[in-house]
């Protein structure tokens, strides 16, 4: 295995520092509106997904990198806050789809400007464009989707 250079170690450190700072500020922003980081992430997933095919709880678990039962518990807590609602899939009644309520949409939209500003700061610190960050994340997401499909039970933490 090739040894890393001092510059590569600095790059790894700076990337992880910027990422942790982004996550910490996100958690602080979520706490200001009465949410945990995972609750915020759930709302963000629902807001980002197309309304024509809302995600299932299994997909939420995959996006959050948690087990299905953990996602069920998270959804139950956020549903009790009246931020999301469950609905059966019109094509397959066994699948539960998740939707943002108007209150949930308002909550995530209140937080978005702060998170977008932080994303711009991270991109600047890493000397990359926001578009490049999105492109890398999308490539990673597609790779994770393929990995999920190849695990024994379809879950990334198996």
Protein backbone atom coordinates (compact mmCIF):
# COMPACT_ATOMS: atom_id res chain seq x y z
CA UNK A 1 0.00 0.00 0.00
CA UNK A 2 1.26 3.46 -0.91
CA UNK A 3 2.12 5.79 1.97
CA UNK A 4 0.21 9.04 2.18
CA UNK A 5 2.03 12.34 1.98
CA UNK A 6 1.80 15.07 4.60
CA UNK A 7 -0.31 17.08 2.14
CA UNK A 8 -2.75 14.19 1.74
CA UNK A 9 -3.09 13.94 5.52
CA UNK A 10 -3.74 17.71 5.66
CA UNK A 11 -6.40 17.31 2.97
CA UNK A 12 -8.09 14.49 4.88
CA UNK A 13 -8.04 16.53 8.07
CA UNK A 14 -9.44 19.67 6.39
CA UNK A 15 -12.20 17.74 4.65
CA UNK A 16 -13.27 15.95 7.83
CA UNK A 17 -13.06 19.17 9.86
CA UNK A 18 -15.25 21.01 7.32
CA UNK A 19 -17.72 18.13 7.27
CA UNK A 20 -17.91 17.89 11.07
CA UNK A 21 -18.36 21.65 11.32
CA UNK A 22 -21.17 21.49 8.76
CA UNK A 23 -22.86 18.67 10.70
CA UNK A 24 -22.44 20.45 14.04
CA UNK A 25 -23.93 23.68 12.72
CA UNK A 26 -26.75 21.66 11.18
CA UNK A 27 -27.46 20.00 14.52
CA UNK A 28 -27.46 23.40 16.24
CA UNK A 29 -29.84 24.80 13.61
CA UNK A 30 -32.16 21.81 14.02
CA UNK A 31 -32.11 22.16 17.81
CA UNK A 32 -33.16 25.81 17.50
CA UNK A 33 -36.41 24.67 15.86
CA UNK A 34 -36.90 21.72 18.23
CA UNK A 35 -35.53 18.90 16.06
CA UNK A 36 -32.73 16.38 16.35
CA UNK A 37 -30.24 15.97 13.51
CA UNK A 38 -31.95 12.76 12.35
CA UNK A 39 -35.37 14.40 12.42
CA UNK A 40 -33.99 17.24 10.32
CA UNK A 41 -32.40 14.77 7.92
CA UNK A 42 -35.72 12.93 7.56
CA UNK A 43 -37.49 16.18 6.66
CA UNK A 44 -34.72 17.06 4.23
CA UNK A 45 -35.02 13.66 2.50
CA UNK A 46 -38.78 14.11 2.13
CA UNK A 47 -38.38 17.65 0.82
CA UNK A 48 -35.72 16.59 -1.69
CA UNK A 49 -37.58 13.54 -3.05
CA UNK A 50 -40.07 14.00 -5.87
CA UNK A 51 -43.65 14.19 -4.67
CA UNK A 52 -44.70 11.74 -7.39
CA UNK A 53 -42.88 8.89 -5.60
CA UNK A 54 -42.37 9.72 -1.93
CA UNK A 55 -39.86 7.49 -0.15
CA UNK A 56 -40.82 4.40 1.78
CA UNK A 57 -39.63 3.77 5.32
CA UNK A 58 -37.12 1.22 3.89
CA UNK A 59 -35.70 3.94 1.63
CA UNK A 60 -35.54 6.36 4.57
CA UNK A 61 -33.59 3.75 6.53
CA UNK A 62 -31.19 3.33 3.61
CA UNK A 63 -30.67 7.10 3.22
CA UNK A 64 -30.08 7.53 6.95
CA UNK A 65 -27.88 4.42 7.15
CA UNK A 66 -29.96 2.98 9.98
CA UNK A 67 -31.88 -0.24 10.44
CA UNK A 68 -35.52 -0.39 9.39
CA UNK A 69 -36.86 -0.52 12.96
CA UNK A 70 -34.85 2.61 13.85
CA UNK A 71 -36.37 4.44 10.90
CA UNK A 72 -39.85 3.31 11.98
CA UNK A 73 -39.25 4.77 15.46
CA UNK A 74 -37.88 8.02 14.01
CA UNK A 75 -40.87 8.38 11.68
CA UNK A 76 -43.25 7.73 14.59
CA UNK A 77 -41.65 10.53 16.62
CA UNK A 78 -41.75 13.00 13.72
CA UNK A 79 -45.29 11.95 12.86
CA UNK A 80 -46.33 12.68 16.48
CA UNK A 81 -44.92 16.18 15.93
CA UNK A 82 -47.26 16.45 12.92
CA UNK A 83 -44.36 17.04 10.54
CA UNK A 84 -44.88 13.94 8.39
CA UNK A 85 -47.72 11.60 7.53
CA UNK A 86 -47.77 8.02 6.35
CA UNK A 87 -49.85 6.79 3.42
CA UNK A 88 -50.09 3.41 1.72
CA UNK A 89 -48.49 3.14 -1.70
CA UNK A 90 -51.27 3.24 -4.33
CA UNK A 91 -49.71 0.35 -6.29
CA UNK A 92 -48.65 -1.83 -3.33
CA UNK A 93 -50.60 -1.43 -0.10
CA UNK A 94 -47.85 -3.23 1.84
CA UNK A 95 -45.50 -0.27 1.30
CA UNK A 96 -45.89 2.86 3.41
CA UNK A 97 -44.90 6.15 1.77
CA UNK A 98 -43.98 9.26 3.74
CA UNK A 99 -45.13 12.79 3.02
CA UNK A 100 -44.28 16.14 4.55
CA UNK A 101 -47.18 17.92 6.19
CA UNK A 102 -47.50 21.67 5.62
CA UNK A 103 -46.00 22.13 9.09
CA UNK A 104 -43.07 19.84 8.20
CA UNK A 105 -42.49 21.72 4.95
CA UNK A 106 -42.50 25.03 6.83
CA UNK A 107 -40.01 23.69 9.39
CA UNK A 108 -37.51 22.43 6.78
CA UNK A 109 -37.83 25.60 4.74
CA UNK A 110 -37.08 27.70 7.85
CA UNK A 111 -33.79 25.86 8.26
CA UNK A 112 -32.72 25.65 4.61
CA UNK A 113 -31.08 29.10 4.24
CA UNK A 114 -28.76 28.45 7.18
CA UNK A 115 -27.74 25.05 5.83
CA UNK A 116 -27.26 26.35 2.30
CA UNK A 117 -25.02 29.15 3.59
CA UNK A 118 -22.97 26.59 5.49
CA UNK A 119 -22.72 24.42 2.37
CA UNK A 120 -21.30 27.42 0.50
CA UNK A 121 -18.75 27.92 3.30
CA UNK A 122 -17.72 24.25 3.18
CA UNK A 123 -17.41 24.39 -0.61
CA UNK A 124 -15.23 27.49 -0.34
CA UNK A 125 -13.09 25.91 2.39
CA UNK A 126 -12.58 22.84 0.22
CA UNK A 127 -12.00 25.04 -2.83
CA UNK A 128 -14.74 23.30 -4.84
CA UNK A 129 -18.04 24.43 -6.30
CA UNK A 130 -21.39 23.54 -4.81
CA UNK A 131 -22.16 21.83 -8.14
CA UNK A 132 -19.10 19.62 -7.76
CA UNK A 133 -20.13 18.68 -4.23
CA UNK A 134 -23.58 17.73 -5.55
CA UNK A 135 -22.07 15.73 -8.43
CA UNK A 136 -19.76 13.81 -6.08
CA UNK A 137 -22.62 13.18 -3.64
CA UNK A 138 -24.90 11.94 -6.42
CA UNK A 139 -22.21 9.58 -7.73
CA UNK A 140 -21.69 8.34 -4.18
CA UNK A 141 -25.45 7.93 -3.68
CA UNK A 142 -25.73 5.83 -6.85
CA UNK A 143 -22.80 3.71 -5.66
CA UNK A 144 -24.43 3.24 -2.26
CA UNK A 145 -27.68 2.23 -3.97
CA UNK A 146 -25.82 -0.47 -5.88
CA UNK A 147 -24.11 -1.58 -2.65
CA UNK A 148 -27.46 -1.77 -0.86
CA UNK A 149 -28.87 -3.93 -3.64
CA UNK A 150 -25.99 -6.37 -3.19
CA UNK A 151 -26.14 -6.86 0.59
CA UNK A 152 -27.77 -9.99 2.00
CA UNK A 153 -30.83 -8.25 3.44
CA UNK A 154 -30.74 -5.07 1.34
CA UNK A 155 -29.49 -2.98 4.25
CA UNK A 156 -26.16 -1.13 4.26
CA UNK A 157 -25.36 -1.96 7.88
CA UNK A 158 -25.56 -5.74 7.55
